Amino acid sequence: MRTLVIDCATAACSVALFDNNGLVAGQYEELGRGHAERLIPMISDLPDKGRARRVVAALGPGSFTGVRVGLATARALAFAWSAQLRSYPSLAMVAAMARARAGAQPVGVAMTGGHGEWFVEGFDSNGRSVRPLASLKPGNAATVTNEVLVAGSQAEALVAERQSGEALTILPDARQFSHLPEHAIVESVTPLYGRAPDARPPGIS
C-alpha cells in the first residue's frame, strides 16, 4: 500500500511517500511559518504528485495553524483519491524517532507549547504513552519528566532545567514514519491542541 504522510504541526513541514514501509521520496523543511504556502508544492513534487491509497497526517499538538493546515489537506486528498485517512500524535513521532536513534528505551518528549509552556509526554520502550500529554511551565515539566532520554524541541532546555539526563533535539519528520509503532496510528482526525483554548465564550470562567 502506498502511504502519503503529512507533518506540519510544528515549526517543521515535511511530506513523505511510502510503498509499504519503504520510503519512496520525501521532503523536510524547518519553516517556522508559511506551512500553508509550502505544503501543496512539496506534495506535488513527490512521485505521482503524492497520490496514495492511504493518507496519514500529524494531529499535533504544536502550531494551531500548522495542525489545521495539515489535517485539512489530508482530508481533502483522501476524499479526492478515495483513500484511507489516518493520523498520529506528533509527540509519538518524536519518541519513535528518538528510539530509532538511541535504541529501544523510555523517552520523555518536550516540545514548544504556547504562553511559555512546554508540551510533555512520557513513552515506554515500545512507544506507548505512560504519562499523558500535558502543557506545563518549564519547572513543572522538568519535575514530571523522569525519563533519562528526553527528545524534542525543548529537550536541551528540560535536561538543563533538571540538571540530568540526555537530550536529543529533534522535530517530527514525515520521512521517519516507518519508525512509528502501529498502535500510534489512529482513525481519529480530531486535532490535539494540548491545552485549553485562550478564548472562552461569554459567561464561562
C-alpha atoms as a PDB file:
ATOM      1  CA  MET A   1       0.000   0.000   0.000  1.00  0.00           C
ATOM      2  CA  ARG A   2       1.262   3.476  -0.865  1.00  0.00           C
ATOM      3  CA  THR A   3       1.023   5.955   2.001  1.00  0.00           C
ATOM      4  CA  LEU A   4       1.338   9.729   1.894  1.00  0.00           C
ATOM      5  CA  VAL A   5       2.464  11.190   5.231  1.00  0.00           C
ATOM      6  CA  ILE A   6       1.949  14.866   6.073  1.00  0.00           C
ATOM      7  CA  ASP A   7       3.521  16.509   9.116  1.00  0.00           C
ATOM      8  CA  CYS A   8       3.326  20.281   9.528  1.00  0.00           C
ATOM      9  CA  ALA A   9       2.131  20.545  13.130  1.00  0.00           C
ATOM     10  CA  THR A  10       5.361  22.133  14.377  1.00  0.00           C
ATOM     11  CA  ALA A  11       7.991  24.548  13.044  1.00  0.00           C
ATOM     12  CA  ALA A  12       8.963  21.792  10.594  1.00  0.00           C
ATOM     13  CA  CYS A  13       6.992  20.942   7.467  1.00  0.00           C
ATOM     14  CA  SER A  14       7.549  17.538   5.897  1.00  0.00           C
ATOM     15  CA  VAL A  15       5.928  15.114   3.496  1.00  0.00           C
ATOM     16  CA  ALA A  16       6.831  11.578   2.530  1.00  0.00           C
ATOM     17  CA  LEU A  17       5.598   8.862   0.208  1.00  0.00           C
ATOM     18  CA  PHE A  18       5.988   5.245   1.308  1.00  0.00           C
ATOM     19  CA  ASP A  19       5.470   1.970  -0.507  1.00  0.00           C
ATOM     20  CA  ASN A  20       4.584  -0.304   2.403  1.00  0.00           C
ATOM     21  CA  ASN A  21       7.433   0.541   4.831  1.00  0.00           C
ATOM     22  CA  GLY A  22       9.885   1.682   2.180  1.00  0.00           C
ATOM     23  CA  LEU A  23      10.464   5.398   1.690  1.00  0.00           C
ATOM     24  CA  VAL A  24       9.924   6.354  -1.963  1.00  0.00           C
ATOM     25  CA  ALA A  25      10.561  10.085  -1.602  1.00  0.00           C
ATOM     26  CA  GLY A  26      10.198  12.888   0.903  1.00  0.00           C
ATOM     27  CA  GLN A  27      10.954  16.498   1.799  1.00  0.00           C
ATOM     28  CA  TYR A  28      11.636  18.233   5.107  1.00  0.00           C
ATOM     29  CA  GLU A  29      11.917  21.969   5.769  1.00  0.00           C
ATOM     30  CA  GLU A  30      12.103  23.947   9.002  1.00  0.00           C
ATOM     31  CA  LEU A  31       9.889  26.904   8.176  1.00  0.00           C
ATOM     32  CA  GLY A  32       8.598  28.329  11.409  1.00  0.00           C
ATOM     33  CA  ARG A  33       5.723  29.839   9.415  1.00  0.00           C
ATOM     34  CA  GLY A  34       4.320  29.521   5.916  1.00  0.00           C
ATOM     35  CA  HIS A  35       3.214  25.873   6.060  1.00  0.00           C
ATOM     36  CA  ALA A  36       0.082  26.566   4.010  1.00  0.00           C
ATOM     37  CA  GLU A  37       2.140  28.020   1.170  1.00  0.00           C
ATOM     38  CA  ARG A  38       4.746  25.241   1.070  1.00  0.00           C
ATOM     39  CA  LEU A  39       2.757  22.102   1.808  1.00  0.00           C
ATOM     40  CA  ILE A  40       0.969  21.610  -1.523  1.00  0.00           C
ATOM     41  CA  PRO A  41       4.101  22.301  -3.637  1.00  0.00           C
ATOM     42  CA  MET A  42       6.032  19.811  -1.506  1.00  0.00           C
ATOM     43  CA  ILE A  43       3.372  17.162  -2.082  1.00  0.00           C
ATOM     44  CA  SER A  44       3.242  17.969  -5.810  1.00  0.00           C
ATOM     45  CA  ASP A  45       6.998  17.351  -6.064  1.00  0.00           C
ATOM     46  CA  LEU A  46       6.563  13.750  -4.902  1.00  0.00           C
ATOM     47  CA  PRO A  47       6.253  10.925  -7.468  1.00  0.00           C
ATOM     48  CA  ASP A  48       2.710  10.833  -8.932  1.00  0.00           C
ATOM     49  CA  LYS A  49       2.116  14.095  -7.023  1.00  0.00           C
ATOM     50  CA  GLY A  50       1.924  12.080  -3.821  1.00  0.00           C
ATOM     51  CA  ARG A  51      -1.100  10.028  -4.863  1.00  0.00           C
ATOM     52  CA  ALA A  52      -1.608   7.154  -2.434  1.00  0.00           C
ATOM     53  CA  ARG A  53      -4.187   4.701  -1.116  1.00  0.00           C
ATOM     54  CA  ARG A  54      -3.651   5.915   2.445  1.00  0.00           C
ATOM     55  CA  VAL A  55      -3.098   9.465   3.734  1.00  0.00           C
ATOM     56  CA  VAL A  56      -1.719   9.950   7.247  1.00  0.00           C
ATOM     57  CA  ALA A  57      -1.317  13.319   8.984  1.00  0.00           C
ATOM     58  CA  ALA A  58       0.041  14.611  12.284  1.00  0.00           C
ATOM     59  CA  LEU A  59      -2.582  15.538  14.878  1.00  0.00           C
ATOM     60  CA  GLY A  60      -0.404  17.918  16.905  1.00  0.00           C
ATOM     61  CA  PRO A  61      -0.019  19.410  19.393  1.00  0.00           C
ATOM     62  CA  GLY A  62       2.043  22.280  18.068  1.00  0.00           C
ATOM     63  CA  SER A  63       1.224  25.193  15.815  1.00  0.00           C
ATOM     64  CA  PHE A  64      -2.541  25.819  15.765  1.00  0.00           C
ATOM     65  CA  THR A  65      -2.381  26.837  12.100  1.00  0.00           C
ATOM     66  CA  GLY A  66       0.018  24.066  11.107  1.00  0.00           C
ATOM     67  CA  VAL A  67      -2.145  21.362  12.677  1.00  0.00           C
ATOM     68  CA  ARG A  68      -5.251  22.616  10.873  1.00  0.00           C
ATOM     69  CA  VAL A  69      -3.475  23.025   7.515  1.00  0.00           C
ATOM     70  CA  GLY A  70      -2.050  19.512   7.635  1.00  0.00           C
ATOM     71  CA  LEU A  71      -5.301  17.825   8.610  1.00  0.00           C
ATOM     72  CA  ALA A  72      -7.396  19.822   6.134  1.00  0.00           C
ATOM     73  CA  THR A  73      -5.021  18.901   3.309  1.00  0.00           C
ATOM     74  CA  ALA A  74      -5.058  15.237   4.322  1.00  0.00           C
ATOM     75  CA  ARG A  75      -8.855  15.180   4.424  1.00  0.00           C
ATOM     76  CA  ALA A  76      -9.130  16.812   1.003  1.00  0.00           C
ATOM     77  CA  LEU A  77      -6.648  14.465  -0.654  1.00  0.00           C
ATOM     78  CA  ALA A  78      -8.140  11.350   0.956  1.00  0.00           C
ATOM     79  CA  PHE A  79     -11.577  12.397  -0.302  1.00  0.00           C
ATOM     80  CA  ALA A  80     -10.315  13.164  -3.817  1.00  0.00           C
ATOM     81  CA  TRP A  81      -8.416   9.874  -4.082  1.00  0.00           C
ATOM     82  CA  SER A  82     -10.963   7.727  -2.185  1.00  0.00           C
ATOM     83  CA  ALA A  83      -8.054   6.902   0.101  1.00  0.00           C
ATOM     84  CA  GLN A  84      -7.935   5.701   3.682  1.00  0.00           C
ATOM     85  CA  LEU A  85      -7.430   8.564   6.171  1.00  0.00           C
ATOM     86  CA  ARG A  86      -5.392   8.086   9.348  1.00  0.00           C
ATOM     87  CA  SER A  87      -3.371  10.195  11.796  1.00  0.00           C
ATOM     88  CA  TYR A  88      -0.858  10.100  14.643  1.00  0.00           C
ATOM     89  CA  PRO A  89       0.119  12.287  17.628  1.00  0.00           C
ATOM     90  CA  SER A  90       3.162  14.476  16.986  1.00  0.00           C
ATOM     91  CA  LEU A  91       4.865  13.608  20.275  1.00  0.00           C
ATOM     92  CA  ALA A  92       4.563   9.892  19.476  1.00  0.00           C
ATOM     93  CA  MET A  93       6.500  10.545  16.266  1.00  0.00           C
ATOM     94  CA  VAL A  94       9.248  12.375  18.172  1.00  0.00           C
ATOM     95  CA  ALA A  95       9.506   9.478  20.629  1.00  0.00           C
ATOM     96  CA  ALA A  96       9.712   6.979  17.752  1.00  0.00           C
ATOM     97  CA  MET A  97      12.473   8.972  16.075  1.00  0.00           C
ATOM     98  CA  ALA A  98      14.388   9.112  19.354  1.00  0.00           C
ATOM     99  CA  ARG A  99      14.172   5.344  19.835  1.00  0.00           C
ATOM    100  CA  ALA A 100      15.338   4.820  16.253  1.00  0.00           C
ATOM    101  CA  ARG A 101      18.471   6.859  17.012  1.00  0.00           C
ATOM    102  CA  ALA A 102      19.193   5.864  20.596  1.00  0.00           C
ATOM    103  CA  GLY A 103      17.749   2.361  20.854  1.00  0.00           C
ATOM    104  CA  ALA A 104      14.626   0.959  22.492  1.00  0.00           C
ATOM    105  CA  GLN A 105      14.235   2.770  25.801  1.00  0.00           C
ATOM    106  CA  PRO A 106      11.758   5.041  27.584  1.00  0.00           C
ATOM    107  CA  VAL A 107      11.596   8.551  26.116  1.00  0.00           C
ATOM    108  CA  GLY A 108      10.307  11.775  27.575  1.00  0.00           C
ATOM    109  CA  VAL A 109       9.211  14.258  24.918  1.00  0.00           C
ATOM    110  CA  ALA A 110       9.327  18.023  25.448  1.00  0.00           C
ATOM    111  CA  MET A 111       8.060  20.325  22.702  1.00  0.00           C
ATOM    112  CA  THR A 112       7.471  24.052  22.468  1.00  0.00           C
ATOM    113  CA  GLY A 113       3.941  24.959  23.527  1.00  0.00           C
ATOM    114  CA  GLY A 114       2.122  28.227  23.955  1.00  0.00           C
ATOM    115  CA  HIS A 115       2.418  31.009  26.533  1.00  0.00           C
ATOM    116  CA  GLY A 116       5.844  29.864  27.668  1.00  0.00           C
ATOM    117  CA  GLU A 117       4.709  26.317  28.394  1.00  0.00           C
ATOM    118  CA  TRP A 118       6.042  23.013  27.039  1.00  0.00           C
ATOM    119  CA  PHE A 119       4.102  20.026  25.764  1.00  0.00           C
ATOM    120  CA  VAL A 120       5.405  16.961  27.588  1.00  0.00           C
ATOM    121  CA  GLU A 121       4.561  13.261  27.463  1.00  0.00           C
ATOM    122  CA  GLY A 122       6.271  10.045  28.526  1.00  0.00           C
ATOM    123  CA  PHE A 123       6.631   6.905  26.396  1.00  0.00           C
ATOM    124  CA  ASP A 124       7.844   3.413  27.264  1.00  0.00           C
ATOM    125  CA  SER A 125      10.387   1.459  25.234  1.00  0.00           C
ATOM    126  CA  ASN A 126       7.602   0.186  22.944  1.00  0.00           C
ATOM    127  CA  GLY A 127       6.324   3.666  22.175  1.00  0.00           C
ATOM    128  CA  ARG A 128       3.199   3.532  24.323  1.00  0.00           C
ATOM    129  CA  SER A 129       2.236   6.624  26.283  1.00  0.00           C
ATOM    130  CA  VAL A 130       2.792   6.117  30.008  1.00  0.00           C
ATOM    131  CA  ARG A 131       2.356   9.740  31.092  1.00  0.00           C
ATOM    132  CA  PRO A 132      -0.431  11.671  29.349  1.00  0.00           C
ATOM    133  CA  LEU A 133       0.158  14.722  27.231  1.00  0.00           C
ATOM    134  CA  ALA A 134       0.273  17.902  29.311  1.00  0.00           C
ATOM    135  CA  SER A 135       1.084  21.573  28.768  1.00  0.00           C
ATOM    136  CA  LEU A 136       3.245  22.744  31.680  1.00  0.00           C
ATOM    137  CA  LYS A 137       5.533  25.545  32.774  1.00  0.00           C
ATOM    138  CA  PRO A 138       9.219  24.565  32.345  1.00  0.00           C
ATOM    139  CA  GLY A 139       9.825  23.869  36.042  1.00  0.00           C
ATOM    140  CA  ASN A 140       6.803  21.587  36.332  1.00  0.00           C
ATOM    141  CA  ALA A 141       7.640  19.900  33.032  1.00  0.00           C
ATOM    142  CA  ALA A 142      11.131  19.090  34.309  1.00  0.00           C
ATOM    143  CA  THR A 143       9.718  17.719  37.547  1.00  0.00           C
ATOM    144  CA  VAL A 144       7.304  15.259  35.928  1.00  0.00           C
ATOM    145  CA  THR A 145       9.646  14.110  33.152  1.00  0.00           C
ATOM    146  CA  ASN A 146      11.627  11.257  34.721  1.00  0.00           C
ATOM    147  CA  GLU A 147      12.976   9.509  31.615  1.00  0.00           C
ATOM    148  CA  VAL A 148      16.759   9.672  31.140  1.00  0.00           C
ATOM    149  CA  LEU A 149      16.388  10.354  27.406  1.00  0.00           C
ATOM    150  CA  VAL A 150      14.437  13.491  26.518  1.00  0.00           C
ATOM    151  CA  ALA A 151      13.641  14.332  22.891  1.00  0.00           C
ATOM    152  CA  GLY A 152      12.011  17.270  21.150  1.00  0.00           C
ATOM    153  CA  SER A 153      12.465  20.966  20.508  1.00  0.00           C
ATOM    154  CA  GLN A 154      12.788  21.712  24.255  1.00  0.00           C
ATOM    155  CA  ALA A 155      14.824  18.631  25.165  1.00  0.00           C
ATOM    156  CA  GLU A 156      18.049  20.517  25.902  1.00  0.00           C
ATOM    157  CA  ALA A 157      16.222  23.125  27.964  1.00  0.00           C
ATOM    158  CA  LEU A 158      14.422  20.481  30.024  1.00  0.00           C
ATOM    159  CA  VAL A 159      17.584  18.493  30.697  1.00  0.00           C
ATOM    160  CA  ALA A 160      19.311  21.727  31.742  1.00  0.00           C
ATOM    161  CA  GLU A 161      16.362  22.607  33.998  1.00  0.00           C
ATOM    162  CA  ARG A 162      16.508  19.315  35.904  1.00  0.00           C
ATOM    163  CA  GLN A 163      20.324  19.026  35.576  1.00  0.00           C
ATOM    164  CA  SER A 164      20.352  15.402  34.475  1.00  0.00           C
ATOM    165  CA  GLY A 165      19.714  13.155  31.511  1.00  0.00           C
ATOM    166  CA  GLU A 166      20.418  13.061  27.794  1.00  0.00           C
ATOM    167  CA  ALA A 167      18.861  15.484  25.311  1.00  0.00           C
ATOM    168  CA  LEU A 168      18.032  14.839  21.666  1.00  0.00           C
ATOM    169  CA  THR A 169      16.824  17.949  19.847  1.00  0.00           C
ATOM    170  CA  ILE A 170      14.521  16.859  17.013  1.00  0.00           C
ATOM    171  CA  LEU A 171      11.293  17.878  15.299  1.00  0.00           C
ATOM    172  CA  PRO A 172       8.759  15.498  13.751  1.00  0.00           C
ATOM    173  CA  ASP A 173       9.729  14.319  10.276  1.00  0.00           C
ATOM    174  CA  ALA A 174       7.290  12.529   7.957  1.00  0.00           C
ATOM    175  CA  ARG A 175      10.208  10.666   6.367  1.00  0.00           C
ATOM    176  CA  GLN A 176      10.635   8.768   9.646  1.00  0.00           C
ATOM    177  CA  PHE A 177       7.084   7.396   9.567  1.00  0.00           C
ATOM    178  CA  SER A 178       8.246   3.776   9.308  1.00  0.00           C
ATOM    179  CA  HIS A 179       9.628   4.008  12.862  1.00  0.00           C
ATOM    180  CA  LEU A 180       6.204   4.887  14.280  1.00  0.00           C
ATOM    181  CA  PRO A 181       4.600   1.895  16.051  1.00  0.00           C
ATOM    182  CA  GLU A 182       1.363   0.662  14.511  1.00  0.00           C
ATOM    183  CA  HIS A 183      -0.607   1.371  17.689  1.00  0.00           C
ATOM    184  CA  ALA A 184       0.216   5.085  17.349  1.00  0.00           C
ATOM    185  CA  ILE A 185      -1.631   5.299  14.005  1.00  0.00           C
ATOM    186  CA  VAL A 186      -5.277   6.070  14.709  1.00  0.00           C
ATOM    187  CA  GLU A 187      -8.525   6.619  12.803  1.00  0.00           C
ATOM    188  CA  SER A 188      -9.437   9.851  14.581  1.00  0.00           C
ATOM    189  CA  VAL A 189      -8.525  13.088  12.830  1.00  0.00           C
ATOM    190  CA  THR A 190      -9.512  15.331  15.728  1.00  0.00           C
ATOM    191  CA  PRO A 191      -6.672  17.819  16.333  1.00  0.00           C
ATOM    192  CA  LEU A 192      -4.620  17.603  19.523  1.00  0.00           C
ATOM    193  CA  TYR A 193      -4.087  21.169  20.669  1.00  0.00           C
ATOM    194  CA  GLY A 194      -2.566  20.153  24.004  1.00  0.00           C
ATOM    195  CA  ARG A 195      -4.122  22.924  26.067  1.00  0.00           C
ATOM    196  CA  ALA A 196      -7.451  24.665  26.560  1.00  0.00           C
ATOM    197  CA  PRO A 197      -8.329  27.483  24.136  1.00  0.00           C
ATOM    198  CA  ASP A 198      -7.367  31.003  25.171  1.00  0.00           C
ATOM    199  CA  ALA A 199     -10.727  32.459  24.173  1.00  0.00           C
ATOM    200  CA  ARG A 200     -13.833  31.409  26.062  1.00  0.00           C
ATOM    201  CA  PRO A 201     -17.495  32.153  25.341  1.00  0.00           C
ATOM    202  CA  PRO A 202     -19.007  34.999  27.443  1.00  0.00           C
ATOM    203  CA  GLY A 203     -20.143  33.918  30.868  1.00  0.00           C
ATOM    204  CA  ILE A 204     -17.727  30.969  31.115  1.00  0.00           C
ATOM    205  CA  SER A 205     -14.865  31.369  33.569  1.00  0.00           C
END
